């Protein structure tokens, strides 16, 4: 069961998606589900995916929240900065933020679609 504020998903820059899938499949036995030609997901103890359509150079840790708007306010009140406002994607909605140490993270929800 998904819980507010818990690490729920991790997203890697995809780069050469076929090479990434081959590496993780051969090295660790991971299996993948493709969502179009630019995104491939896995569920290997922690769900995640490889996003070929990103300019990000770092892995993105994604937390969960039932109420995105309330979580965004909590983050701002605690000293975080929203770097990308709430947007929809297939399966949910999410926003990105930066913590006071400069770490970039995201929060997603499957509620309120």
PDB file of N, CA and C in Angstrom:
ATOM      1  N   UNK A   1       0.842  -1.181   0.000  1.00  0.00           N
ATOM      2  CA  UNK A   1       0.000   0.000   0.000  1.00  0.00           C
ATOM      3  C   UNK A   1       0.887   1.244   0.000  1.00  0.00           C
ATOM      4  N   UNK A   2       0.607   2.140  -0.860  1.00  0.00           N
ATOM      5  CA  UNK A   2       1.368   3.376  -0.965  1.00  0.00           C
ATOM      6  C   UNK A   2       1.058   4.274   0.228  1.00  0.00           C
ATOM      7  N   UNK A   3       2.122   4.952   0.736  1.00  0.00           N
ATOM      8  CA  UNK A   3       1.956   5.803   1.912  1.00  0.00           C
ATOM      9  C   UNK A   3       2.551   7.177   1.666  1.00  0.00           C
ATOM     10  N   UNK A   4       1.888   8.198   2.227  1.00  0.00           N
ATOM     11  CA  UNK A   4       2.366   9.575   2.113  1.00  0.00           C
ATOM     12  C   UNK A   4       3.810   9.702   2.586  1.00  0.00           C
ATOM     13  N   UNK A   5       4.604  10.391   1.786  1.00  0.00           N
ATOM     14  CA  UNK A   5       5.963  10.733   2.168  1.00  0.00           C
ATOM     15  C   UNK A   5       6.973   9.614   2.067  1.00  0.00           C
ATOM     16  N   UNK A   6       6.579   8.436   1.624  1.00  0.00           N
ATOM     17  CA  UNK A   6       7.510   7.309   1.506  1.00  0.00           C
ATOM     18  C   UNK A   6       8.100   7.255   0.103  1.00  0.00           C
ATOM     19  N   UNK A   7       9.353   6.815   0.008  1.00  0.00           N
ATOM     20  CA  UNK A   7       9.961   6.612  -1.303  1.00  0.00           C
ATOM     21  C   UNK A   7       9.162   5.529  -2.012  1.00  0.00           C
ATOM     22  N   UNK A   8       8.710   5.838  -3.229  1.00  0.00           N
ATOM     23  CA  UNK A   8       7.781   4.964  -3.920  1.00  0.00           C
ATOM     24  C   UNK A   8       8.286   4.530  -5.292  1.00  0.00           C
ATOM     25  N   UNK A   9       9.191   5.293  -5.886  1.00  0.00           N
ATOM     26  CA  UNK A   9       9.573   5.057  -7.268  1.00  0.00           C
ATOM     27  C   UNK A   9      10.916   5.726  -7.502  1.00  0.00           C
ATOM     28  N   UNK A  10      11.709   5.187  -8.394  1.00  0.00           N
ATOM     29  CA  UNK A  10      12.976   5.809  -8.748  1.00  0.00           C
ATOM     30  C   UNK A  10      13.075   5.833 -10.274  1.00  0.00           C
ATOM     31  N   UNK A  11      13.472   6.981 -10.810  1.00  0.00           N
ATOM     32  CA  UNK A  11      13.512   7.142 -12.255  1.00  0.00           C
ATOM     33  C   UNK A  11      14.933   7.479 -12.693  1.00  0.00           C
ATOM     34  N   UNK A  12      15.453   6.670 -13.606  1.00  0.00           N
ATOM     35  CA  UNK A  12      16.796   6.866 -14.138  1.00  0.00           C
ATOM     36  C   UNK A  12      16.720   7.538 -15.507  1.00  0.00           C
ATOM     37  N   UNK A  13      17.700   8.379 -15.845  1.00  0.00           N
ATOM     38  CA  UNK A  13      17.781   8.846 -17.229  1.00  0.00           C
ATOM     39  C   UNK A  13      17.973   7.624 -18.126  1.00  0.00           C
ATOM     40  N   UNK A  14      17.267   7.581 -19.245  1.00  0.00           N
ATOM     41  CA  UNK A  14      17.266   6.384 -20.084  1.00  0.00           C
ATOM     42  C   UNK A  14      18.488   6.219 -20.956  1.00  0.00           C
ATOM     43  N   UNK A  15      19.031   7.332 -21.472  1.00  0.00           N
ATOM     44  CA  UNK A  15      20.156   7.208 -22.401  1.00  0.00           C
ATOM     45  C   UNK A  15      19.782   6.272 -23.533  1.00  0.00           C
ATOM     46  N   UNK A  16      20.641   5.316 -23.811  1.00  0.00           N
ATOM     47  CA  UNK A  16      20.353   4.276 -24.795  1.00  0.00           C
ATOM     48  C   UNK A  16      19.494   3.240 -24.079  1.00  0.00           C
ATOM     49  N   UNK A  17      18.189   3.331 -24.264  1.00  0.00           N
ATOM     50  CA  UNK A  17      17.242   2.510 -23.514  1.00  0.00           C
ATOM     51  C   UNK A  17      17.495   1.011 -23.703  1.00  0.00           C
ATOM     52  N   UNK A  18      17.767   0.601 -24.928  1.00  0.00           N
ATOM     53  CA  UNK A  18      18.030  -0.820 -25.186  1.00  0.00           C
ATOM     54  C   UNK A  18      19.269  -1.284 -24.428  1.00  0.00           C
ATOM     55  N   UNK A  19      20.308  -0.467 -24.401  1.00  0.00           N
ATOM     56  CA  UNK A  19      21.535  -0.828 -23.685  1.00  0.00           C
ATOM     57  C   UNK A  19      21.296  -0.876 -22.173  1.00  0.00           C
ATOM     58  N   UNK A  20      20.513   0.074 -21.655  1.00  0.00           N
ATOM     59  CA  UNK A  20      20.210   0.073 -20.219  1.00  0.00           C
ATOM     60  C   UNK A  20      19.439  -1.177 -19.835  1.00  0.00           C
ATOM     61  N   UNK A  21      18.436  -1.524 -20.618  1.00  0.00           N
ATOM     62  CA  UNK A  21      17.638  -2.713 -20.335  1.00  0.00           C
ATOM     63  C   UNK A  21      18.498  -3.975 -20.425  1.00  0.00           C
ATOM     64  N   UNK A  22      19.351  -4.048 -21.419  1.00  0.00           N
ATOM     65  CA  UNK A  22      20.230  -5.205 -21.577  1.00  0.00           C
ATOM     66  C   UNK A  22      21.167  -5.327 -20.377  1.00  0.00           C
ATOM     67  N   UNK A  23      21.776  -4.215 -19.957  1.00  0.00           N
ATOM     68  CA  UNK A  23      22.695  -4.234 -18.816  1.00  0.00           C
ATOM     69  C   UNK A  23      22.005  -4.730 -17.554  1.00  0.00           C
ATOM     70  N   UNK A  24      20.888  -4.080 -17.172  1.00  0.00           N
ATOM     71  CA  UNK A  24      20.220  -4.441 -15.928  1.00  0.00           C
ATOM     72  C   UNK A  24      19.589  -5.832 -16.003  1.00  0.00           C
ATOM     73  N   UNK A  25      19.163  -6.232 -17.184  1.00  0.00           N
ATOM     74  CA  UNK A  25      18.634  -7.581 -17.360  1.00  0.00           C
ATOM     75  C   UNK A  25      19.712  -8.633 -17.184  1.00  0.00           C
ATOM     76  N   UNK A  26      20.863  -8.425 -17.828  1.00  0.00           N
ATOM     77  CA  UNK A  26      21.956  -9.393 -17.740  1.00  0.00           C
ATOM     78  C   UNK A  26      22.630  -9.385 -16.377  1.00  0.00           C
ATOM     79  N   UNK A  27      22.874  -8.205 -15.835  1.00  0.00           N
ATOM     80  CA  UNK A  27      23.603  -8.107 -14.565  1.00  0.00           C
ATOM     81  C   UNK A  27      22.753  -8.527 -13.368  1.00  0.00           C
ATOM     82  N   UNK A  28      21.468  -8.169 -13.369  1.00  0.00           N
ATOM     83  CA  UNK A  28      20.647  -8.362 -12.176  1.00  0.00           C
ATOM     84  C   UNK A  28      19.374  -9.166 -12.411  1.00  0.00           C
ATOM     85  N   UNK A  29      19.106  -9.546 -13.653  1.00  0.00           N
ATOM     86  CA  UNK A  29      17.918 -10.329 -13.942  1.00  0.00           C
ATOM     87  C   UNK A  29      16.624  -9.530 -13.966  1.00  0.00           C
ATOM     88  N   UNK A  30      16.723  -8.207 -14.127  1.00  0.00           N
ATOM     89  CA  UNK A  30      15.535  -7.359 -14.128  1.00  0.00           C
ATOM     90  C   UNK A  30      14.700  -7.613 -15.382  1.00  0.00           C
ATOM     91  N   UNK A  31      13.378  -7.477 -15.235  1.00  0.00           N
ATOM     92  CA  UNK A  31      12.437  -7.549 -16.352  1.00  0.00           C
ATOM     93  C   UNK A  31      11.798  -6.173 -16.516  1.00  0.00           C
ATOM     94  N   UNK A  32      11.369  -5.875 -17.712  1.00  0.00           N
ATOM     95  CA  UNK A  32      10.870  -4.536 -18.025  1.00  0.00           C
ATOM     96  C   UNK A  32       9.512  -4.571 -18.707  1.00  0.00           C
ATOM     97  N   UNK A  33       8.759  -3.509 -18.522  1.00  0.00           N
ATOM     98  CA  UNK A  33       7.516  -3.263 -19.242  1.00  0.00           C
ATOM     99  C   UNK A  33       7.708  -1.940 -19.963  1.00  0.00           C
ATOM    100  N   UNK A  34       7.585  -1.959 -21.282  1.00  0.00           N
ATOM    101  CA  UNK A  34       7.764  -0.746 -22.072  1.00  0.00           C
ATOM    102  C   UNK A  34       6.466   0.038 -22.150  1.00  0.00           C
ATOM    103  N   UNK A  35       6.587   1.343 -21.973  1.00  0.00           N
ATOM    104  CA  UNK A  35       5.474   2.269 -22.144  1.00  0.00           C
ATOM    105  C   UNK A  35       5.862   3.210 -23.263  1.00  0.00           C
ATOM    106  N   UNK A  36       5.744   2.741 -24.474  1.00  0.00           N
ATOM    107  CA  UNK A  36       6.175   3.494 -25.636  1.00  0.00           C
ATOM    108  C   UNK A  36       7.658   3.296 -25.870  1.00  0.00           C
ATOM    109  N   UNK A  37       8.189   3.966 -26.881  1.00  0.00           N
ATOM    110  CA  UNK A  37       9.592   3.767 -27.252  1.00  0.00           C
ATOM    111  C   UNK A  37      10.599   4.485 -26.341  1.00  0.00           C
ATOM    112  N   UNK A  38      10.115   5.373 -25.441  1.00  0.00           N
ATOM    113  CA  UNK A  38      11.045   6.187 -24.653  1.00  0.00           C
ATOM    114  C   UNK A  38      10.985   5.931 -23.156  1.00  0.00           C
ATOM    115  N   UNK A  39      10.168   4.951 -22.712  1.00  0.00           N
ATOM    116  CA  UNK A  39      10.052   4.699 -21.275  1.00  0.00           C
ATOM    117  C   UNK A  39       9.911   3.215 -21.021  1.00  0.00           C
ATOM    118  N   UNK A  40      10.677   2.713 -20.075  1.00  0.00           N
ATOM    119  CA  UNK A  40      10.608   1.314 -19.695  1.00  0.00           C
ATOM    120  C   UNK A  40      10.619   1.218 -18.180  1.00  0.00           C
ATOM    121  N   UNK A  41       9.653   0.505 -17.622  1.00  0.00           N
ATOM    122  CA  UNK A  41       9.495   0.406 -16.165  1.00  0.00           C
ATOM    123  C   UNK A  41       9.958  -0.961 -15.663  1.00  0.00           C
ATOM    124  N   UNK A  42      10.268  -1.001 -14.370  1.00  0.00           N
ATOM    125  CA  UNK A  42      10.640  -2.253 -13.714  1.00  0.00           C
ATOM    126  C   UNK A  42      10.012  -2.286 -12.332  1.00  0.00           C
ATOM    127  N   UNK A  43       9.924  -3.482 -11.764  1.00  0.00           N
ATOM    128  CA  UNK A  43       9.443  -3.672 -10.397  1.00  0.00           C
ATOM    129  C   UNK A  43      10.334  -4.733  -9.774  1.00  0.00           C
ATOM    130  N   UNK A  44      11.393  -4.284  -9.155  1.00  0.00           N
ATOM    131  CA  UNK A  44      12.408  -5.183  -8.616  1.00  0.00           C
ATOM    132  C   UNK A  44      12.626  -4.928  -7.133  1.00  0.00           C
ATOM    133  N   UNK A  45      11.559  -4.932  -6.350  1.00  0.00           N
ATOM    134  CA  UNK A  45      11.628  -4.607  -4.934  1.00  0.00           C
ATOM    135  C   UNK A  45      11.260  -3.166  -4.685  1.00  0.00           C
ATOM    136  N   UNK A  46      11.564  -2.316  -5.608  1.00  0.00           N
ATOM    137  CA  UNK A  46      11.140  -0.921  -5.644  1.00  0.00           C
ATOM    138  C   UNK A  46      10.804  -0.643  -7.106  1.00  0.00           C
ATOM    139  N   UNK A  47       9.651  -0.068  -7.344  1.00  0.00           N
ATOM    140  CA  UNK A  47       9.277   0.236  -8.718  1.00  0.00           C
ATOM    141  C   UNK A  47      10.108   1.395  -9.246  1.00  0.00           C
ATOM    142  N   UNK A  48      10.320   1.398 -10.554  1.00  0.00           N
ATOM    143  CA  UNK A  48      11.065   2.472 -11.171  1.00  0.00           C
ATOM    144  C   UNK A  48      10.998   2.382 -12.674  1.00  0.00           C
ATOM    145  N   UNK A  49      11.773   3.225 -13.328  1.00  0.00           N
ATOM    146  CA  UNK A  49      11.785   3.224 -14.771  1.00  0.00           C
ATOM    147  C   UNK A  49      12.981   3.964 -15.338  1.00  0.00           C
ATOM    148  N   UNK A  50      13.179   3.770 -16.620  1.00  0.00           N
ATOM    149  CA  UNK A  50      14.195   4.474 -17.389  1.00  0.00           C
ATOM    150  C   UNK A  50      13.469   5.380 -18.366  1.00  0.00           C
ATOM    151  N   UNK A  51      13.756   6.690 -18.310  1.00  0.00           N
ATOM    152  CA  UNK A  51      13.092   7.679 -19.142  1.00  0.00           C
ATOM    153  C   UNK A  51      14.082   8.228 -20.158  1.00  0.00           C
ATOM    154  N   UNK A  52      13.907   7.826 -21.404  1.00  0.00           N
ATOM    155  CA  UNK A  52      14.794   8.283 -22.468  1.00  0.00           C
ATOM    156  C   UNK A  52      14.492   9.721 -22.855  1.00  0.00           C
ATOM    157  N   UNK A  53      13.295  10.192 -22.547  1.00  0.00           N
ATOM    158  CA  UNK A  53      12.859  11.519 -22.954  1.00  0.00           C
ATOM    159  C   UNK A  53      13.035  12.519 -21.810  1.00  0.00           C
ATOM    160  N   UNK A  54      14.239  12.605 -21.257  1.00  0.00           N
ATOM    161  CA  UNK A  54      14.510  13.540 -20.176  1.00  0.00           C
ATOM    162  C   UNK A  54      15.872  14.178 -20.376  1.00  0.00           C
ATOM    163  N   UNK A  55      15.997  15.408 -19.911  1.00  0.00           N
ATOM    164  CA  UNK A  55      17.285  16.085 -19.925  1.00  0.00           C
ATOM    165  C   UNK A  55      18.031  15.862 -18.620  1.00  0.00           C
ATOM    166  N   UNK A  56      17.380  15.187 -17.670  1.00  0.00           N
ATOM    167  CA  UNK A  56      17.994  14.957 -16.365  1.00  0.00           C
ATOM    168  C   UNK A  56      19.266  14.128 -16.508  1.00  0.00           C
ATOM    169  N   UNK A  57      20.233  14.446 -15.694  1.00  0.00           N
ATOM    170  CA  UNK A  57      21.495  13.710 -15.689  1.00  0.00           C
ATOM    171  C   UNK A  57      21.641  12.840 -14.446  1.00  0.00           C
ATOM    172  N   UNK A  58      20.670  12.963 -13.521  1.00  0.00           N
ATOM    173  CA  UNK A  58      20.735  12.231 -12.262  1.00  0.00           C
ATOM    174  C   UNK A  58      19.482  11.392 -12.080  1.00  0.00           C
ATOM    175  N   UNK A  59      19.608  10.410 -11.213  1.00  0.00           N
ATOM    176  CA  UNK A  59      18.472   9.600 -10.821  1.00  0.00           C
ATOM    177  C   UNK A  59      17.487  10.460 -10.032  1.00  0.00           C
ATOM    178  N   UNK A  60      16.207  10.265 -10.265  1.00  0.00           N
ATOM    179  CA  UNK A  60      15.165  11.026  -9.588  1.00  0.00           C
ATOM    180  C   UNK A  60      14.423  10.120  -8.618  1.00  0.00           C
ATOM    181  N   UNK A  61      14.479  10.442  -7.335  1.00  0.00           N
ATOM    182  CA  UNK A  61      13.716   9.730  -6.315  1.00  0.00           C
ATOM    183  C   UNK A  61      12.329  10.357  -6.259  1.00  0.00           C
ATOM    184  N   UNK A  62      11.310   9.502  -6.267  1.00  0.00           N
ATOM    185  CA  UNK A  62       9.928   9.983  -6.298  1.00  0.00           C
ATOM    186  C   UNK A  62       9.190   9.454  -5.070  1.00  0.00           C
ATOM    187  N   UNK A  63       8.611  10.383  -4.314  1.00  0.00           N
ATOM    188  CA  UNK A  63       7.827  10.063  -3.132  1.00  0.00           C
ATOM    189  C   UNK A  63       6.354   9.984  -3.523  1.00  0.00           C
ATOM    190  N   UNK A  64       5.522   9.489  -2.621  1.00  0.00           N
ATOM    191  CA  UNK A  64       4.096   9.369  -2.887  1.00  0.00           C
ATOM    192  C   UNK A  64       3.309  10.297  -1.973  1.00  0.00           C
ATOM    193  N   UNK A  65       2.180  10.788  -2.457  1.00  0.00           N
ATOM    194  CA  UNK A  65       1.237  11.559  -1.633  1.00  0.00           C
ATOM    195  C   UNK A  65      -0.171  11.335  -2.166  1.00  0.00           C
ATOM    196  N   UNK A  66      -1.106  11.131  -1.272  1.00  0.00           N
ATOM    197  CA  UNK A  66      -2.496  11.020  -1.707  1.00  0.00           C
ATOM    198  C   UNK A  66      -3.009  12.372  -2.185  1.00  0.00           C
ATOM    199  N   UNK A  67      -2.593  13.452  -1.522  1.00  0.00           N
ATOM    200  CA  UNK A  67      -3.052  14.799  -1.864  1.00  0.00           C
ATOM    201  C   UNK A  67      -1.831  15.627  -2.282  1.00  0.00           C
ATOM    202  N   UNK A  68      -1.633  15.764  -3.583  1.00  0.00           N
ATOM    203  CA  UNK A  68      -0.454  16.481  -4.094  1.00  0.00           C
ATOM    204  C   UNK A  68      -0.426  17.938  -3.667  1.00  0.00           C
ATOM    205  N   UNK A  69      -1.564  18.598  -3.718  1.00  0.00           N
ATOM    206  CA  UNK A  69      -1.601  20.014  -3.372  1.00  0.00           C
ATOM    207  C   UNK A  69      -1.193  20.226  -1.909  1.00  0.00           C
ATOM    208  N   UNK A  70      -1.703  19.387  -1.014  1.00  0.00           N
ATOM    209  CA  UNK A  70      -1.343  19.508   0.398  1.00  0.00           C
ATOM    210  C   UNK A  70       0.133  19.205   0.623  1.00  0.00           C
ATOM    211  N   UNK A  71       0.656  18.208  -0.084  1.00  0.00           N
ATOM    212  CA  UNK A  71       2.078  17.871   0.074  1.00  0.00           C
ATOM    213  C   UNK A  71       2.964  18.989  -0.456  1.00  0.00           C
ATOM    214  N   UNK A  72       2.580  19.601  -1.557  1.00  0.00           N
ATOM    215  CA  UNK A  72       3.362  20.728  -2.090  1.00  0.00           C
ATOM    216  C   UNK A  72       3.423  21.858  -1.064  1.00  0.00           C
ATOM    217  N   UNK A  73       2.309  22.143  -0.414  1.00  0.00           N
ATOM    218  CA  UNK A  73       2.297  23.182   0.623  1.00  0.00           C
ATOM    219  C   UNK A  73       3.184  22.803   1.799  1.00  0.00           C
ATOM    220  N   UNK A  74       3.142  21.553   2.214  1.00  0.00           N
ATOM    221  CA  UNK A  74       3.994  21.095   3.322  1.00  0.00           C
ATOM    222  C   UNK A  74       5.476  21.266   2.973  1.00  0.00           C
ATOM    223  N   UNK A  75       5.816  20.939   1.738  1.00  0.00           N
ATOM    224  CA  UNK A  75       7.208  21.065   1.289  1.00  0.00           C
ATOM    225  C   UNK A  75       7.644  22.525   1.315  1.00  0.00           C
ATOM    226  N   UNK A  76       6.800  23.411   0.813  1.00  0.00           N
ATOM    227  CA  UNK A  76       7.137  24.843   0.823  1.00  0.00           C
ATOM    228  C   UNK A  76       7.274  25.365   2.250  1.00  0.00           C
ATOM    229  N   UNK A  77       6.367  24.984   3.124  1.00  0.00           N
ATOM    230  CA  UNK A  77       6.414  25.441   4.520  1.00  0.00           C
ATOM    231  C   UNK A  77       7.665  24.926   5.241  1.00  0.00           C
ATOM    232  N   UNK A  78       8.172  23.778   4.810  1.00  0.00           N
ATOM    233  CA  UNK A  78       9.365  23.205   5.434  1.00  0.00           C
ATOM    234  C   UNK A  78      10.658  23.757   4.848  1.00  0.00           C
ATOM    235  N   UNK A  79      10.561  24.615   3.814  1.00  0.00           N
ATOM    236  CA  UNK A  79      11.751  25.231   3.233  1.00  0.00           C
ATOM    237  C   UNK A  79      12.155  24.693   1.879  1.00  0.00           C
ATOM    238  N   UNK A  80      11.343  23.828   1.282  1.00  0.00           N
ATOM    239  CA  UNK A  80      11.624  23.323  -0.055  1.00  0.00           C
ATOM    240  C   UNK A  80      11.122  24.286  -1.118  1.00  0.00           C
ATOM    241  N   UNK A  81      11.579  24.079  -2.356  1.00  0.00           N
ATOM    242  CA  UNK A  81      11.197  24.917  -3.484  1.00  0.00           C
ATOM    243  C   UNK A  81      10.580  24.045  -4.568  1.00  0.00           C
ATOM    244  N   UNK A  82       9.390  24.398  -5.007  1.00  0.00           N
ATOM    245  CA  UNK A  82       8.757  23.683  -6.114  1.00  0.00           C
ATOM    246  C   UNK A  82       9.470  24.101  -7.396  1.00  0.00           C
ATOM    247  N   UNK A  83      10.004  23.135  -8.125  1.00  0.00           N
ATOM    248  CA  UNK A  83      10.745  23.424  -9.354  1.00  0.00           C
ATOM    249  C   UNK A  83       9.938  23.107 -10.606  1.00  0.00           C
ATOM    250  N   UNK A  84       8.909  22.280 -10.480  1.00  0.00           N
ATOM    251  CA  UNK A  84       7.998  21.996 -11.584  1.00  0.00           C
ATOM    252  C   UNK A  84       6.621  21.774 -10.976  1.00  0.00           C
ATOM    253  N   UNK A  85       5.680  22.623 -11.363  1.00  0.00           N
ATOM    254  CA  UNK A  85       4.323  22.562 -10.823  1.00  0.00           C
ATOM    255  C   UNK A  85       3.658  21.227 -11.165  1.00  0.00           C
ATOM    256  N   UNK A  86       2.556  20.950 -10.512  1.00  0.00           N
ATOM    257  CA  UNK A  86       1.810  19.703 -10.712  1.00  0.00           C
ATOM    258  C   UNK A  86       1.410  19.568 -12.181  1.00  0.00           C
ATOM    259  N   UNK A  87       1.658  18.374 -12.725  1.00  0.00           N
ATOM    260  CA  UNK A  87       1.252  18.067 -14.097  1.00  0.00           C
ATOM    261  C   UNK A  87       0.766  16.626 -14.152  1.00  0.00           C
ATOM    262  N   UNK A  88      -0.011  16.329 -15.167  1.00  0.00           N
ATOM    263  CA  UNK A  88      -0.550  14.982 -15.360  1.00  0.00           C
ATOM    264  C   UNK A  88       0.332  14.187 -16.298  1.00  0.00           C
ATOM    265  N   UNK A  89       0.328  12.874 -16.097  1.00  0.00           N
ATOM    266  CA  UNK A  89       0.990  11.928 -16.987  1.00  0.00           C
ATOM    267  C   UNK A  89       0.136  10.669 -16.977  1.00  0.00           C
ATOM    268  N   UNK A  90       0.339   9.748 -17.911  1.00  0.00           N
ATOM    269  CA  UNK A  90      -0.474   8.532 -17.904  1.00  0.00           C
ATOM    270  C   UNK A  90      -0.306   7.785 -16.577  1.00  0.00           C
ATOM    271  N   UNK A  91      -1.386   7.656 -15.832  1.00  0.00           N
ATOM    272  CA  UNK A  91      -1.336   6.933 -14.565  1.00  0.00           C
ATOM    273  C   UNK A  91      -1.327   7.801 -13.326  1.00  0.00           C
ATOM    274  N   UNK A  92      -1.187   9.119 -13.487  1.00  0.00           N
ATOM    275  CA  UNK A  92      -1.173   9.953 -12.293  1.00  0.00           C
ATOM    276  C   UNK A  92      -0.837  11.402 -12.553  1.00  0.00           C
ATOM    277  N   UNK A  93      -0.418  12.062 -11.476  1.00  0.00           N
ATOM    278  CA  UNK A  93       0.027  13.457 -11.529  1.00  0.00           C
ATOM    279  C   UNK A  93       1.260  13.553 -10.638  1.00  0.00           C
ATOM    280  N   UNK A  94       2.119  14.551 -10.899  1.00  0.00           N
ATOM    281  CA  UNK A  94       3.284  14.745 -10.045  1.00  0.00           C
ATOM    282  C   UNK A  94       3.805  16.162 -10.138  1.00  0.00           C
ATOM    283  N   UNK A  95       4.699  16.491  -9.187  1.00  0.00           N
ATOM    284  CA  UNK A  95       5.439  17.749  -9.221  1.00  0.00           C
ATOM    285  C   UNK A  95       6.861  17.460  -8.770  1.00  0.00           C
ATOM    286  N   UNK A  96       7.754  18.399  -9.070  1.00  0.00           N
ATOM    287  CA  UNK A  96       9.162  18.261  -8.692  1.00  0.00           C
ATOM    288  C   UNK A  96       9.505  19.358  -7.693  1.00  0.00           C
ATOM    289  N   UNK A  97      10.470  19.066  -6.805  1.00  0.00           N
ATOM    290  CA  UNK A  97      10.895  20.055  -5.827  1.00  0.00           C
ATOM    291  C   UNK A  97      12.374  19.880  -5.513  1.00  0.00           C
ATOM    292  N   UNK A  98      12.934  20.905  -4.886  1.00  0.00           N
ATOM    293  CA  UNK A  98      14.330  20.888  -4.435  1.00  0.00           C
ATOM    294  C   UNK A  98      14.319  21.090  -2.927  1.00  0.00           C
ATOM    295  N   UNK A  99      15.059  20.228  -2.223  1.00  0.00           N
ATOM    296  CA  UNK A  99      15.148  20.377  -0.772  1.00  0.00           C
ATOM    297  C   UNK A  99      16.205  21.417  -0.430  1.00  0.00           C
ATOM    298  N   UNK A 100      16.320  21.834   0.827  1.00  0.00           N
ATOM    299  CA  UNK A 100      17.295  22.875   1.189  1.00  0.00           C
ATOM    300  C   UNK A 100      18.751  22.509   0.897  1.00  0.00           C
ATOM    301  N   UNK A 101      19.065  21.227   0.773  1.00  0.00           N
ATOM    302  CA  UNK A 101      20.438  20.816   0.463  1.00  0.00           C
ATOM    303  C   UNK A 101      20.713  20.807  -1.043  1.00  0.00           C
ATOM    304  N   UNK A 102      19.674  21.088  -1.850  1.00  0.00           N
ATOM    305  CA  UNK A 102      19.852  21.132  -3.300  1.00  0.00           C
ATOM    306  C   UNK A 102      19.501  19.842  -4.022  1.00  0.00           C
ATOM    307  N   UNK A 103      18.948  18.862  -3.315  1.00  0.00           N
ATOM    308  CA  UNK A 103      18.548  17.600  -3.948  1.00  0.00           C
ATOM    309  C   UNK A 103      17.228  17.780  -4.683  1.00  0.00           C
ATOM    310  N   UNK A 104      17.161  17.274  -5.907  1.00  0.00           N
ATOM    311  CA  UNK A 104      15.935  17.320  -6.694  1.00  0.00           C
ATOM    312  C   UNK A 104      15.175  16.008  -6.518  1.00  0.00           C
ATOM    313  N   UNK A 105      13.895  16.123  -6.162  1.00  0.00           N
ATOM    314  CA  UNK A 105      13.023  14.980  -5.975  1.00  0.00           C
ATOM    315  C   UNK A 105      11.678  15.294  -6.618  1.00  0.00           C
ATOM    316  N   UNK A 106      10.783  14.311  -6.608  1.00  0.00           N
ATOM    317  CA  UNK A 106       9.429  14.511  -7.109  1.00  0.00           C
ATOM    318  C   UNK A 106       8.456  13.831  -6.166  1.00  0.00           C
ATOM    319  N   UNK A 107       7.209  14.218  -6.272  1.00  0.00           N
ATOM    320  CA  UNK A 107       6.112  13.580  -5.538  1.00  0.00           C
ATOM    321  C   UNK A 107       5.032  13.264  -6.558  1.00  0.00           C
ATOM    322  N   UNK A 108       4.471  12.057  -6.485  1.00  0.00           N
ATOM    323  CA  UNK A 108       3.423  11.670  -7.421  1.00  0.00           C
ATOM    324  C   UNK A 108       2.210  11.171  -6.667  1.00  0.00           C
ATOM    325  N   UNK A 109       1.086  11.104  -7.377  1.00  0.00           N
ATOM    326  CA  UNK A 109      -0.142  10.557  -6.826  1.00  0.00           C
ATOM    327  C   UNK A 109      -0.967   9.933  -7.936  1.00  0.00           C
ATOM    328  N   UNK A 110      -1.670   8.884  -7.578  1.00  0.00           N
ATOM    329  CA  UNK A 110      -2.640   8.301  -8.497  1.00  0.00           C
ATOM    330  C   UNK A 110      -4.051   8.734  -8.119  1.00  0.00           C
ATOM    331  N   UNK A 111      -4.166   9.646  -7.155  1.00  0.00           N
ATOM    332  CA  UNK A 111      -5.448  10.173  -6.699  1.00  0.00           C
ATOM    333  C   UNK A 111      -5.780  11.454  -7.461  1.00  0.00           C
ATOM    334  N   UNK A 112      -7.055  11.721  -7.616  1.00  0.00           N
ATOM    335  CA  UNK A 112      -7.496  12.979  -8.209  1.00  0.00           C
ATOM    336  C   UNK A 112      -7.344  13.050  -9.704  1.00  0.00           C
ATOM    337  N   UNK A 113      -7.362  11.911 -10.366  1.00  0.00           N
ATOM    338  CA  UNK A 113      -7.239  11.909 -11.836  1.00  0.00           C
ATOM    339  C   UNK A 113      -8.521  12.338 -12.487  1.00  0.00           C
TER     340      UNK A 113
END
